[in-house]
């Protein structure tokens, strides 16, 4: 449980998409220059710190754009909470030492692009 804020309040989870090239190596600076994930089709979501369970974030639209980027642009995604630093809220995840069912997971499903279209 969180020791900060109200665990019953919802917390916004927002994606950040790096927009710099590999010439910028400072992670903090990369995130400062990142674009909102909504520009790449990654929706934000509201989470309750007191809740648990599976949450899905669809990054398909973002992943499809990666093949069009120059090779020196990183393919990455970061997440931040809404009003970070301005409100006492946090989201916690189980560690890699927790039971397998509790650990954060990344599921990737590959769907080949279909060229089928109705006339």
PDB file of N, CA and C in Angstrom:
ATOM      1  N   UNK A   1       0.837  -1.188   0.000  1.00  0.00           N
ATOM      2  CA  UNK A   1       0.000   0.000   0.000  1.00  0.00           C
ATOM      3  C   UNK A   1       0.878   1.246   0.000  1.00  0.00           C
ATOM      4  N   UNK A   2       0.359   2.262  -0.588  1.00  0.00           N
ATOM      5  CA  UNK A   2       1.086   3.514  -0.683  1.00  0.00           C
ATOM      6  C   UNK A   2       1.009   4.276   0.633  1.00  0.00           C
ATOM      7  N   UNK A   3       2.091   4.906   1.004  1.00  0.00           N
ATOM      8  CA  UNK A   3       2.095   5.741   2.200  1.00  0.00           C
ATOM      9  C   UNK A   3       1.829   7.196   1.849  1.00  0.00           C
ATOM     10  N   UNK A   4       1.662   7.478   0.566  1.00  0.00           N
ATOM     11  CA  UNK A   4       1.437   8.842   0.116  1.00  0.00           C
ATOM     12  C   UNK A   4       0.061   8.948  -0.524  1.00  0.00           C
ATOM     13  N   UNK A   5      -0.586  10.081  -0.329  1.00  0.00           N
ATOM     14  CA  UNK A   5      -1.853  10.329  -1.001  1.00  0.00           C
ATOM     15  C   UNK A   5      -2.957   9.413  -0.540  1.00  0.00           C
ATOM     16  N   UNK A   6      -4.060   9.486  -1.221  1.00  0.00           N
ATOM     17  CA  UNK A   6      -5.236   8.689  -0.928  1.00  0.00           C
ATOM     18  C   UNK A   6      -5.266   7.512  -1.901  1.00  0.00           C
ATOM     19  N   UNK A   7      -5.207   6.298  -1.382  1.00  0.00           N
ATOM     20  CA  UNK A   7      -5.165   5.111  -2.230  1.00  0.00           C
ATOM     21  C   UNK A   7      -6.465   4.911  -3.004  1.00  0.00           C
ATOM     22  N   UNK A   8      -7.531   5.636  -2.639  1.00  0.00           N
ATOM     23  CA  UNK A   8      -8.810   5.515  -3.343  1.00  0.00           C
ATOM     24  C   UNK A   8      -8.926   6.511  -4.500  1.00  0.00           C
ATOM     25  N   UNK A   9      -8.019   7.482  -4.576  1.00  0.00           N
ATOM     26  CA  UNK A   9      -8.035   8.449  -5.677  1.00  0.00           C
ATOM     27  C   UNK A   9      -7.456   7.825  -6.933  1.00  0.00           C
ATOM     28  N   UNK A  10      -8.012   8.179  -8.078  1.00  0.00           N
ATOM     29  CA  UNK A  10      -7.473   7.661  -9.332  1.00  0.00           C
ATOM     30  C   UNK A  10      -6.223   8.448  -9.726  1.00  0.00           C
ATOM     31  N   UNK A  11      -5.327   7.758 -10.413  1.00  0.00           N
ATOM     32  CA  UNK A  11      -4.069   8.347 -10.875  1.00  0.00           C
ATOM     33  C   UNK A  11      -3.986   8.119 -12.375  1.00  0.00           C
ATOM     34  N   UNK A  12      -3.747   9.178 -13.126  1.00  0.00           N
ATOM     35  CA  UNK A  12      -3.612   9.053 -14.571  1.00  0.00           C
ATOM     36  C   UNK A  12      -2.250   8.484 -14.935  1.00  0.00           C
ATOM     37  N   UNK A  13      -2.247   7.550 -15.870  1.00  0.00           N
ATOM     38  CA  UNK A  13      -1.007   6.972 -16.386  1.00  0.00           C
ATOM     39  C   UNK A  13      -0.882   7.415 -17.841  1.00  0.00           C
ATOM     40  N   UNK A  14       0.195   8.135 -18.144  1.00  0.00           N
ATOM     41  CA  UNK A  14       0.383   8.717 -19.469  1.00  0.00           C
ATOM     42  C   UNK A  14       1.670   8.208 -20.101  1.00  0.00           C
ATOM     43  N   UNK A  15       1.614   7.947 -21.380  1.00  0.00           N
ATOM     44  CA  UNK A  15       2.788   7.476 -22.116  1.00  0.00           C
ATOM     45  C   UNK A  15       3.597   8.666 -22.624  1.00  0.00           C
ATOM     46  N   UNK A  16       4.905   8.486 -22.668  1.00  0.00           N
ATOM     47  CA  UNK A  16       5.824   9.456 -23.267  1.00  0.00           C
ATOM     48  C   UNK A  16       6.605   8.736 -24.355  1.00  0.00           C
ATOM     49  N   UNK A  17       6.723   9.391 -25.505  1.00  0.00           N
ATOM     50  CA  UNK A  17       7.415   8.814 -26.646  1.00  0.00           C
ATOM     51  C   UNK A  17       8.641   9.673 -26.949  1.00  0.00           C
ATOM     52  N   UNK A  18       9.849   9.091 -26.881  1.00  0.00           N
ATOM     53  CA  UNK A  18      11.055   9.872 -27.175  1.00  0.00           C
ATOM     54  C   UNK A  18      11.016  10.459 -28.590  1.00  0.00           C
ATOM     55  N   UNK A  19      11.458  11.693 -28.704  1.00  0.00           N
ATOM     56  CA  UNK A  19      11.478  12.367 -30.007  1.00  0.00           C
ATOM     57  C   UNK A  19      12.890  12.802 -30.393  1.00  0.00           C
ATOM     58  N   UNK A  20      13.857  12.449 -29.561  1.00  0.00           N
ATOM     59  CA  UNK A  20      15.239  12.853 -29.838  1.00  0.00           C
ATOM     60  C   UNK A  20      15.949  11.778 -30.659  1.00  0.00           C
ATOM     61  N   UNK A  21      17.168  12.062 -31.013  1.00  0.00           N
ATOM     62  CA  UNK A  21      17.994  11.056 -31.696  1.00  0.00           C
ATOM     63  C   UNK A  21      18.936  10.432 -30.675  1.00  0.00           C
ATOM     64  N   UNK A  22      19.718   9.490 -31.106  1.00  0.00           N
ATOM     65  CA  UNK A  22      20.658   8.817 -30.213  1.00  0.00           C
ATOM     66  C   UNK A  22      21.783   9.743 -29.750  1.00  0.00           C
ATOM     67  N   UNK A  23      21.869  10.953 -30.293  1.00  0.00           N
ATOM     68  CA  UNK A  23      22.877  11.915 -29.840  1.00  0.00           C
ATOM     69  C   UNK A  23      22.597  12.400 -28.427  1.00  0.00           C
ATOM     70  N   UNK A  24      21.332  12.383 -28.016  1.00  0.00           N
ATOM     71  CA  UNK A  24      20.963  12.753 -26.648  1.00  0.00           C
ATOM     72  C   UNK A  24      21.004  11.473 -25.819  1.00  0.00           C
ATOM     73  N   UNK A  25      21.873  11.453 -24.808  1.00  0.00           N
ATOM     74  CA  UNK A  25      22.054  10.226 -24.030  1.00  0.00           C
ATOM     75  C   UNK A  25      21.557  10.352 -22.592  1.00  0.00           C
ATOM     76  N   UNK A  26      21.281  11.559 -22.120  1.00  0.00           N
ATOM     77  CA  UNK A  26      20.796  11.763 -20.760  1.00  0.00           C
ATOM     78  C   UNK A  26      19.311  11.414 -20.704  1.00  0.00           C
ATOM     79  N   UNK A  27      18.964  10.374 -19.935  1.00  0.00           N
ATOM     80  CA  UNK A  27      17.588   9.889 -19.884  1.00  0.00           C
ATOM     81  C   UNK A  27      16.610  10.968 -19.442  1.00  0.00           C
ATOM     82  N   UNK A  28      16.971  11.770 -18.453  1.00  0.00           N
ATOM     83  CA  UNK A  28      16.082  12.846 -17.979  1.00  0.00           C
ATOM     84  C   UNK A  28      15.793  13.838 -19.113  1.00  0.00           C
ATOM     85  N   UNK A  29      16.811  14.187 -19.870  1.00  0.00           N
ATOM     86  CA  UNK A  29      16.643  15.128 -20.990  1.00  0.00           C
ATOM     87  C   UNK A  29      15.786  14.497 -22.091  1.00  0.00           C
ATOM     88  N   UNK A  30      15.980  13.213 -22.355  1.00  0.00           N
ATOM     89  CA  UNK A  30      15.177  12.522 -23.361  1.00  0.00           C
ATOM     90  C   UNK A  30      13.706  12.580 -22.986  1.00  0.00           C
ATOM     91  N   UNK A  31      13.407  12.346 -21.701  1.00  0.00           N
ATOM     92  CA  UNK A  31      12.011  12.385 -21.252  1.00  0.00           C
ATOM     93  C   UNK A  31      11.449  13.802 -21.243  1.00  0.00           C
ATOM     94  N   UNK A  32      12.304  14.792 -20.943  1.00  0.00           N
ATOM     95  CA  UNK A  32      11.856  16.190 -21.006  1.00  0.00           C
ATOM     96  C   UNK A  32      11.443  16.579 -22.425  1.00  0.00           C
ATOM     97  N   UNK A  33      12.094  15.990 -23.423  1.00  0.00           N
ATOM     98  CA  UNK A  33      11.827  16.312 -24.821  1.00  0.00           C
ATOM     99  C   UNK A  33      10.838  15.351 -25.477  1.00  0.00           C
ATOM    100  N   UNK A  34      10.298  14.429 -24.705  1.00  0.00           N
ATOM    101  CA  UNK A  34       9.393  13.416 -25.259  1.00  0.00           C
ATOM    102  C   UNK A  34       8.023  14.004 -25.585  1.00  0.00           C
ATOM    103  N   UNK A  35       7.358  13.372 -26.531  1.00  0.00           N
ATOM    104  CA  UNK A  35       6.009  13.777 -26.916  1.00  0.00           C
ATOM    105  C   UNK A  35       4.991  12.943 -26.143  1.00  0.00           C
ATOM    106  N   UNK A  36       3.811  13.492 -26.002  1.00  0.00           N
ATOM    107  CA  UNK A  36       2.725  12.752 -25.352  1.00  0.00           C
ATOM    108  C   UNK A  36       2.382  11.535 -26.206  1.00  0.00           C
ATOM    109  N   UNK A  37       2.162  10.424 -25.552  1.00  0.00           N
ATOM    110  CA  UNK A  37       1.835   9.188 -26.256  1.00  0.00           C
ATOM    111  C   UNK A  37       0.568   9.269 -27.076  1.00  0.00           C
ATOM    112  N   UNK A  38      -0.326  10.181 -26.708  1.00  0.00           N
ATOM    113  CA  UNK A  38      -1.585  10.324 -27.449  1.00  0.00           C
ATOM    114  C   UNK A  38      -1.332  10.723 -28.898  1.00  0.00           C
ATOM    115  N   UNK A  39      -0.218  11.380 -29.175  1.00  0.00           N
ATOM    116  CA  UNK A  39       0.117  11.741 -30.555  1.00  0.00           C
ATOM    117  C   UNK A  39       0.473  10.516 -31.386  1.00  0.00           C
ATOM    118  N   UNK A  40       0.854   9.419 -30.708  1.00  0.00           N
ATOM    119  CA  UNK A  40       1.221   8.184 -31.412  1.00  0.00           C
ATOM    120  C   UNK A  40       0.158   7.107 -31.224  1.00  0.00           C
ATOM    121  N   UNK A  41      -1.013   7.502 -30.755  1.00  0.00           N
ATOM    122  CA  UNK A  41      -2.107   6.547 -30.616  1.00  0.00           C
ATOM    123  C   UNK A  41      -2.089   5.724 -29.346  1.00  0.00           C
ATOM    124  N   UNK A  42      -1.276   6.109 -28.351  1.00  0.00           N
ATOM    125  CA  UNK A  42      -1.248   5.400 -27.071  1.00  0.00           C
ATOM    126  C   UNK A  42      -2.123   6.174 -26.099  1.00  0.00           C
ATOM    127  N   UNK A  43      -3.225   5.573 -25.710  1.00  0.00           N
ATOM    128  CA  UNK A  43      -4.181   6.249 -24.836  1.00  0.00           C
ATOM    129  C   UNK A  43      -3.693   6.279 -23.391  1.00  0.00           C
ATOM    130  N   UNK A  44      -4.107   7.310 -22.666  1.00  0.00           N
ATOM    131  CA  UNK A  44      -3.847   7.361 -21.236  1.00  0.00           C
ATOM    132  C   UNK A  44      -4.935   6.543 -20.532  1.00  0.00           C
ATOM    133  N   UNK A  45      -4.688   6.224 -19.289  1.00  0.00           N
ATOM    134  CA  UNK A  45      -5.651   5.449 -18.526  1.00  0.00           C
ATOM    135  C   UNK A  45      -5.633   5.904 -17.078  1.00  0.00           C
ATOM    136  N   UNK A  46      -6.737   5.699 -16.384  1.00  0.00           N
ATOM    137  CA  UNK A  46      -6.815   6.015 -14.962  1.00  0.00           C
ATOM    138  C   UNK A  46      -6.699   4.725 -14.172  1.00  0.00           C
ATOM    139  N   UNK A  47      -5.867   4.746 -13.129  1.00  0.00           N
ATOM    140  CA  UNK A  47      -5.665   3.583 -12.275  1.00  0.00           C
ATOM    141  C   UNK A  47      -5.904   3.966 -10.828  1.00  0.00           C
ATOM    142  N   UNK A  48      -6.335   3.009 -10.036  1.00  0.00           N
ATOM    143  CA  UNK A  48      -6.492   3.207  -8.597  1.00  0.00           C
ATOM    144  C   UNK A  48      -5.300   2.575  -7.893  1.00  0.00           C
ATOM    145  N   UNK A  49      -4.569   3.341  -7.076  1.00  0.00           N
ATOM    146  CA  UNK A  49      -3.432   2.761  -6.362  1.00  0.00           C
ATOM    147  C   UNK A  49      -3.832   1.586  -5.469  1.00  0.00           C
ATOM    148  N   UNK A  50      -5.070   1.574  -4.979  1.00  0.00           N
ATOM    149  CA  UNK A  50      -5.500   0.491  -4.098  1.00  0.00           C
ATOM    150  C   UNK A  50      -5.952  -0.749  -4.858  1.00  0.00           C
ATOM    151  N   UNK A  51      -6.082  -0.647  -6.174  1.00  0.00           N
ATOM    152  CA  UNK A  51      -6.543  -1.777  -6.978  1.00  0.00           C
ATOM    153  C   UNK A  51      -5.355  -2.577  -7.503  1.00  0.00           C
ATOM    154  N   UNK A  52      -5.641  -3.778  -7.912  1.00  0.00           N
ATOM    155  CA  UNK A  52      -4.606  -4.598  -8.527  1.00  0.00           C
ATOM    156  C   UNK A  52      -5.230  -5.345  -9.686  1.00  0.00           C
ATOM    157  N   UNK A  53      -4.423  -6.021 -10.433  1.00  0.00           N
ATOM    158  CA  UNK A  53      -4.930  -6.788 -11.561  1.00  0.00           C
ATOM    159  C   UNK A  53      -4.271  -6.387 -12.854  1.00  0.00           C
ATOM    160  N   UNK A  54      -4.705  -7.019 -13.919  1.00  0.00           N
ATOM    161  CA  UNK A  54      -4.128  -6.806 -15.239  1.00  0.00           C
ATOM    162  C   UNK A  54      -4.636  -5.498 -15.833  1.00  0.00           C
ATOM    163  N   UNK A  55      -3.720  -4.720 -16.361  1.00  0.00           N
ATOM    164  CA  UNK A  55      -4.058  -3.501 -17.083  1.00  0.00           C
ATOM    165  C   UNK A  55      -3.376  -3.589 -18.442  1.00  0.00           C
ATOM    166  N   UNK A  56      -4.090  -3.237 -19.477  1.00  0.00           N
ATOM    167  CA  UNK A  56      -3.544  -3.324 -20.834  1.00  0.00           C
ATOM    168  C   UNK A  56      -3.380  -1.937 -21.421  1.00  0.00           C
ATOM    169  N   UNK A  57      -2.260  -1.709 -22.077  1.00  0.00           N
ATOM    170  CA  UNK A  57      -1.996  -0.472 -22.800  1.00  0.00           C
ATOM    171  C   UNK A  57      -1.672  -0.879 -24.231  1.00  0.00           C
ATOM    172  N   UNK A  58      -2.487  -0.452 -25.163  1.00  0.00           N
ATOM    173  CA  UNK A  58      -2.310  -0.828 -26.563  1.00  0.00           C
ATOM    174  C   UNK A  58      -1.302   0.114 -27.214  1.00  0.00           C
ATOM    175  N   UNK A  59      -0.209  -0.446 -27.713  1.00  0.00           N
ATOM    176  CA  UNK A  59       0.839   0.349 -28.360  1.00  0.00           C
ATOM    177  C   UNK A  59       0.981  -0.012 -29.833  1.00  0.00           C
ATOM    178  N   UNK A  60      -0.043  -0.616 -30.409  1.00  0.00           N
ATOM    179  CA  UNK A  60       0.021  -1.058 -31.801  1.00  0.00           C
ATOM    180  C   UNK A  60       0.300   0.105 -32.753  1.00  0.00           C
ATOM    181  N   UNK A  61      -0.433   1.194 -32.614  1.00  0.00           N
ATOM    182  CA  UNK A  61      -0.234   2.330 -33.525  1.00  0.00           C
ATOM    183  C   UNK A  61       1.194   2.865 -33.419  1.00  0.00           C
ATOM    184  N   UNK A  62       1.723   2.923 -32.208  1.00  0.00           N
ATOM    185  CA  UNK A  62       3.097   3.384 -32.006  1.00  0.00           C
ATOM    186  C   UNK A  62       4.087   2.428 -32.660  1.00  0.00           C
ATOM    187  N   UNK A  63       3.939   1.147 -32.412  1.00  0.00           N
ATOM    188  CA  UNK A  63       4.867   0.160 -32.969  1.00  0.00           C
ATOM    189  C   UNK A  63       4.870   0.179 -34.489  1.00  0.00           C
ATOM    190  N   UNK A  64       3.737   0.451 -35.087  1.00  0.00           N
ATOM    191  CA  UNK A  64       3.677   0.517 -36.556  1.00  0.00           C
ATOM    192  C   UNK A  64       4.462   1.688 -37.116  1.00  0.00           C
ATOM    193  N   UNK A  65       4.600   2.760 -36.336  1.00  0.00           N
ATOM    194  CA  UNK A  65       5.349   3.923 -36.820  1.00  0.00           C
ATOM    195  C   UNK A  65       6.852   3.711 -36.727  1.00  0.00           C
ATOM    196  N   UNK A  66       7.301   2.788 -35.885  1.00  0.00           N
ATOM    197  CA  UNK A  66       8.728   2.606 -35.668  1.00  0.00           C
ATOM    198  C   UNK A  66       9.479   2.216 -36.928  1.00  0.00           C
ATOM    199  N   UNK A  67       8.861   1.482 -37.817  1.00  0.00           N
ATOM    200  CA  UNK A  67       9.576   1.068 -39.032  1.00  0.00           C
ATOM    201  C   UNK A  67       9.843   2.247 -39.968  1.00  0.00           C
ATOM    202  N   UNK A  68       9.137   3.353 -39.784  1.00  0.00           N
ATOM    203  CA  UNK A  68       9.309   4.519 -40.652  1.00  0.00           C
ATOM    204  C   UNK A  68      10.329   5.522 -40.112  1.00  0.00           C
ATOM    205  N   UNK A  69      10.809   5.300 -38.885  1.00  0.00           N
ATOM    206  CA  UNK A  69      11.727   6.252 -38.257  1.00  0.00           C
ATOM    207  C   UNK A  69      13.160   6.057 -38.730  1.00  0.00           C
ATOM    208  N   UNK A  70      13.942   7.132 -38.755  1.00  0.00           N
ATOM    209  CA  UNK A  70      15.371   6.986 -39.046  1.00  0.00           C
ATOM    210  C   UNK A  70      16.030   6.085 -37.999  1.00  0.00           C
ATOM    211  N   UNK A  71      17.124   5.460 -38.339  1.00  0.00           N
ATOM    212  CA  UNK A  71      17.767   4.500 -37.437  1.00  0.00           C
ATOM    213  C   UNK A  71      18.305   5.139 -36.164  1.00  0.00           C
ATOM    214  N   UNK A  72      18.547   6.450 -36.154  1.00  0.00           N
ATOM    215  CA  UNK A  72      19.092   7.089 -34.952  1.00  0.00           C
ATOM    216  C   UNK A  72      18.006   7.603 -34.001  1.00  0.00           C
ATOM    217  N   UNK A  73      16.755   7.292 -34.264  1.00  0.00           N
ATOM    218  CA  UNK A  73      15.658   7.663 -33.367  1.00  0.00           C
ATOM    219  C   UNK A  73      15.286   6.431 -32.553  1.00  0.00           C
ATOM    220  N   UNK A  74      15.312   6.555 -31.206  1.00  0.00           N
ATOM    221  CA  UNK A  74      15.034   5.374 -30.382  1.00  0.00           C
ATOM    222  C   UNK A  74      13.580   4.909 -30.485  1.00  0.00           C
ATOM    223  N   UNK A  75      13.412   3.612 -30.394  1.00  0.00           N
ATOM    224  CA  UNK A  75      12.077   3.011 -30.338  1.00  0.00           C
ATOM    225  C   UNK A  75      11.829   2.684 -28.874  1.00  0.00           C
ATOM    226  N   UNK A  76      11.036   3.509 -28.205  1.00  0.00           N
ATOM    227  CA  UNK A  76      10.851   3.353 -26.767  1.00  0.00           C
ATOM    228  C   UNK A  76       9.523   3.960 -26.338  1.00  0.00           C
ATOM    229  N   UNK A  77       9.143   3.624 -25.119  1.00  0.00           N
ATOM    230  CA  UNK A  77       7.968   4.217 -24.495  1.00  0.00           C
ATOM    231  C   UNK A  77       8.251   4.289 -22.997  1.00  0.00           C
ATOM    232  N   UNK A  78       7.849   5.372 -22.384  1.00  0.00           N
ATOM    233  CA  UNK A  78       7.981   5.543 -20.935  1.00  0.00           C
ATOM    234  C   UNK A  78       6.609   5.937 -20.406  1.00  0.00           C
ATOM    235  N   UNK A  79       6.388   5.715 -19.135  1.00  0.00           N
ATOM    236  CA  UNK A  79       5.113   6.091 -18.528  1.00  0.00           C
ATOM    237  C   UNK A  79       5.354   7.027 -17.359  1.00  0.00           C
ATOM    238  N   UNK A  80       4.451   7.976 -17.187  1.00  0.00           N
ATOM    239  CA  UNK A  80       4.490   8.879 -16.033  1.00  0.00           C
ATOM    240  C   UNK A  80       3.085   8.978 -15.478  1.00  0.00           C
ATOM    241  N   UNK A  81       2.985   9.390 -14.225  1.00  0.00           N
ATOM    242  CA  UNK A  81       1.657   9.578 -13.653  1.00  0.00           C
ATOM    243  C   UNK A  81       1.252  11.036 -13.803  1.00  0.00           C
ATOM    244  N   UNK A  82      -0.039  11.287 -13.843  1.00  0.00           N
ATOM    245  CA  UNK A  82      -0.546  12.644 -13.984  1.00  0.00           C
ATOM    246  C   UNK A  82      -0.160  13.506 -12.788  1.00  0.00           C
ATOM    247  N   UNK A  83       0.134  14.743 -13.052  1.00  0.00           N
ATOM    248  CA  UNK A  83       0.544  15.706 -12.022  1.00  0.00           C
ATOM    249  C   UNK A  83       1.735  15.208 -11.208  1.00  0.00           C
ATOM    250  N   UNK A  84       2.632  14.498 -11.865  1.00  0.00           N
ATOM    251  CA  UNK A  84       3.815  13.970 -11.186  1.00  0.00           C
ATOM    252  C   UNK A  84       4.583  15.088 -10.513  1.00  0.00           C
ATOM    253  N   UNK A  85       4.877  14.922  -9.262  1.00  0.00           N
ATOM    254  CA  UNK A  85       5.601  15.925  -8.486  1.00  0.00           C
ATOM    255  C   UNK A  85       4.714  16.996  -7.892  1.00  0.00           C
ATOM    256  N   UNK A  86       3.458  17.082  -8.328  1.00  0.00           N
ATOM    257  CA  UNK A  86       2.552  18.106  -7.812  1.00  0.00           C
ATOM    258  C   UNK A  86       1.502  17.527  -6.870  1.00  0.00           C
ATOM    259  N   UNK A  87       1.322  16.223  -6.908  1.00  0.00           N
ATOM    260  CA  UNK A  87       0.376  15.595  -5.987  1.00  0.00           C
ATOM    261  C   UNK A  87       1.027  14.358  -5.374  1.00  0.00           C
ATOM    262  N   UNK A  88       0.640  14.026  -4.150  1.00  0.00           N
ATOM    263  CA  UNK A  88       1.260  12.871  -3.491  1.00  0.00           C
ATOM    264  C   UNK A  88       0.595  11.563  -3.917  1.00  0.00           C
ATOM    265  N   UNK A  89       0.854  11.130  -5.116  1.00  0.00           N
ATOM    266  CA  UNK A  89       0.268   9.884  -5.619  1.00  0.00           C
ATOM    267  C   UNK A  89       1.375   9.016  -6.189  1.00  0.00           C
ATOM    268  N   UNK A  90       1.151   7.734  -6.144  1.00  0.00           N
ATOM    269  CA  UNK A  90       2.123   6.808  -6.711  1.00  0.00           C
ATOM    270  C   UNK A  90       1.415   5.523  -7.095  1.00  0.00           C
ATOM    271  N   UNK A  91       2.020   4.826  -8.028  1.00  0.00           N
ATOM    272  CA  UNK A  91       1.571   3.497  -8.421  1.00  0.00           C
ATOM    273  C   UNK A  91       2.736   2.564  -8.151  1.00  0.00           C
ATOM    274  N   UNK A  92       2.449   1.430  -7.556  1.00  0.00           N
ATOM    275  CA  UNK A  92       3.507   0.477  -7.241  1.00  0.00           C
ATOM    276  C   UNK A  92       3.278  -0.819  -7.995  1.00  0.00           C
ATOM    277  N   UNK A  93       4.375  -1.436  -8.373  1.00  0.00           N
ATOM    278  CA  UNK A  93       4.338  -2.705  -9.086  1.00  0.00           C
ATOM    279  C   UNK A  93       5.081  -3.741  -8.248  1.00  0.00           C
ATOM    280  N   UNK A  94       4.687  -4.984  -8.378  1.00  0.00           N
ATOM    281  CA  UNK A  94       5.399  -6.055  -7.691  1.00  0.00           C
ATOM    282  C   UNK A  94       6.782  -6.199  -8.318  1.00  0.00           C
ATOM    283  N   UNK A  95       7.732  -6.638  -7.533  1.00  0.00           N
ATOM    284  CA  UNK A  95       9.102  -6.791  -8.031  1.00  0.00           C
ATOM    285  C   UNK A  95       9.246  -8.071  -8.843  1.00  0.00           C
ATOM    286  N   UNK A  96      10.390  -8.225  -9.451  1.00  0.00           N
ATOM    287  CA  UNK A  96      10.676  -9.429 -10.232  1.00  0.00           C
ATOM    288  C   UNK A  96      10.822 -10.660  -9.341  1.00  0.00           C
ATOM    289  N   UNK A  97      10.883 -10.461  -8.031  1.00  0.00           N
ATOM    290  CA  UNK A  97      10.986 -11.573  -7.085  1.00  0.00           C
ATOM    291  C   UNK A  97       9.621 -12.037  -6.582  1.00  0.00           C
ATOM    292  N   UNK A  98       8.569 -11.352  -6.948  1.00  0.00           N
ATOM    293  CA  UNK A  98       7.213 -11.739  -6.530  1.00  0.00           C
ATOM    294  C   UNK A  98       6.779 -12.982  -7.293  1.00  0.00           C
ATOM    295  N   UNK A  99       5.676 -13.550  -6.871  1.00  0.00           N
ATOM    296  CA  UNK A  99       5.126 -14.708  -7.581  1.00  0.00           C
ATOM    297  C   UNK A  99       4.894 -14.343  -9.042  1.00  0.00           C
ATOM    298  N   UNK A 100       5.074 -15.302  -9.928  1.00  0.00           N
ATOM    299  CA  UNK A 100       4.990 -15.058 -11.377  1.00  0.00           C
ATOM    300  C   UNK A 100       3.690 -14.363 -11.777  1.00  0.00           C
ATOM    301  N   UNK A 101       2.585 -14.714 -11.144  1.00  0.00           N
ATOM    302  CA  UNK A 101       1.297 -14.125 -11.508  1.00  0.00           C
ATOM    303  C   UNK A 101       1.191 -12.652 -11.126  1.00  0.00           C
ATOM    304  N   UNK A 102       2.043 -12.182 -10.224  1.00  0.00           N
ATOM    305  CA  UNK A 102       1.981 -10.800  -9.749  1.00  0.00           C
ATOM    306  C   UNK A 102       2.960  -9.866 -10.454  1.00  0.00           C
ATOM    307  N   UNK A 103       4.002 -10.408 -11.048  1.00  0.00           N
ATOM    308  CA  UNK A 103       5.037  -9.581 -11.676  1.00  0.00           C
ATOM    309  C   UNK A 103       4.496  -8.834 -12.893  1.00  0.00           C
ATOM    310  N   UNK A 104       5.019  -7.641 -13.152  1.00  0.00           N
ATOM    311  CA  UNK A 104       4.644  -6.949 -14.395  1.00  0.00           C
ATOM    312  C   UNK A 104       5.071  -7.783 -15.597  1.00  0.00           C
ATOM    313  N   UNK A 105       4.235  -7.792 -16.621  1.00  0.00           N
ATOM    314  CA  UNK A 105       4.529  -8.567 -17.831  1.00  0.00           C
ATOM    315  C   UNK A 105       4.285  -7.686 -19.052  1.00  0.00           C
ATOM    316  N   UNK A 106       5.001  -8.009 -20.071  1.00  0.00           N
ATOM    317  CA  UNK A 106       4.800  -7.376 -21.371  1.00  0.00           C
ATOM    318  C   UNK A 106       4.373  -8.475 -22.325  1.00  0.00           C
ATOM    319  N   UNK A 107       3.186  -8.337 -22.867  1.00  0.00           N
ATOM    320  CA  UNK A 107       2.706  -9.323 -23.831  1.00  0.00           C
ATOM    321  C   UNK A 107       2.706  -8.684 -25.203  1.00  0.00           C
ATOM    322  N   UNK A 108       3.371  -9.328 -26.121  1.00  0.00           N
ATOM    323  CA  UNK A 108       3.436  -8.835 -27.493  1.00  0.00           C
ATOM    324  C   UNK A 108       2.715  -9.832 -28.380  1.00  0.00           C
ATOM    325  N   UNK A 109       1.751  -9.338 -29.120  1.00  0.00           N
ATOM    326  CA  UNK A 109       1.012 -10.170 -30.053  1.00  0.00           C
ATOM    327  C   UNK A 109       1.293  -9.644 -31.443  1.00  0.00           C
ATOM    328  N   UNK A 110       1.793 -10.514 -32.310  1.00  0.00           N
ATOM    329  CA  UNK A 110       2.106 -10.108 -33.674  1.00  0.00           C
ATOM    330  C   UNK A 110       0.944 -10.484 -34.585  1.00  0.00           C
ATOM    331  N   UNK A 111       0.422  -9.514 -35.271  1.00  0.00           N
ATOM    332  CA  UNK A 111      -0.623  -9.737 -36.261  1.00  0.00           C
ATOM    333  C   UNK A 111      -0.111  -9.218 -37.596  1.00  0.00           C
ATOM    334  N   UNK A 112       0.109 -10.110 -38.561  1.00  0.00           N
ATOM    335  CA  UNK A 112       0.592  -9.632 -39.858  1.00  0.00           C
ATOM    336  C   UNK A 112      -0.430  -8.697 -40.497  1.00  0.00           C
ATOM    337  N   UNK A 113       0.082  -7.719 -41.187  1.00  0.00           N
ATOM    338  CA  UNK A 113      -0.790  -6.751 -41.846  1.00  0.00           C
ATOM    339  C   UNK A 113      -1.587  -7.466 -42.940  1.00  0.00           C
ATOM    340  N   UNK A 114      -2.849  -7.208 -42.957  1.00  0.00           N
ATOM    341  CA  UNK A 114      -3.727  -7.831 -43.947  1.00  0.00           C
ATOM    342  C   UNK A 114      -3.886  -6.889 -45.136  1.00  0.00           C
ATOM    343  N   UNK A 115      -3.737  -7.427 -46.316  1.00  0.00           N
ATOM    344  CA  UNK A 115      -3.913  -6.642 -47.536  1.00  0.00           C
ATOM    345  C   UNK A 115      -5.329  -6.815 -48.094  1.00  0.00           C
ATOM    346  N   UNK A 116      -6.132  -7.581 -47.368  1.00  0.00           N
ATOM    347  CA  UNK A 116      -7.494  -7.851 -47.812  1.00  0.00           C
ATOM    348  C   UNK A 116      -8.372  -6.608 -47.611  1.00  0.00           C
ATOM    349  N   UNK A 117      -9.125  -6.259 -48.632  1.00  0.00           N
ATOM    350  CA  UNK A 117     -10.052  -5.131 -48.503  1.00  0.00           C
ATOM    351  C   UNK A 117     -11.294  -5.425 -49.330  1.00  0.00           C
ATOM    352  N   UNK A 118     -12.414  -4.969 -48.826  1.00  0.00           N
ATOM    353  CA  UNK A 118     -13.666  -5.144 -49.570  1.00  0.00           C
ATOM    354  C   UNK A 118     -13.784  -4.057 -50.627  1.00  0.00           C
ATOM    355  N   UNK A 119     -14.341  -4.390 -51.798  1.00  0.00           N
ATOM    356  CA  UNK A 119     -14.476  -3.380 -52.843  1.00  0.00           C
ATOM    357  C   UNK A 119     -15.542  -2.356 -52.513  1.00  0.00           C
TER     358      UNK A 119
END
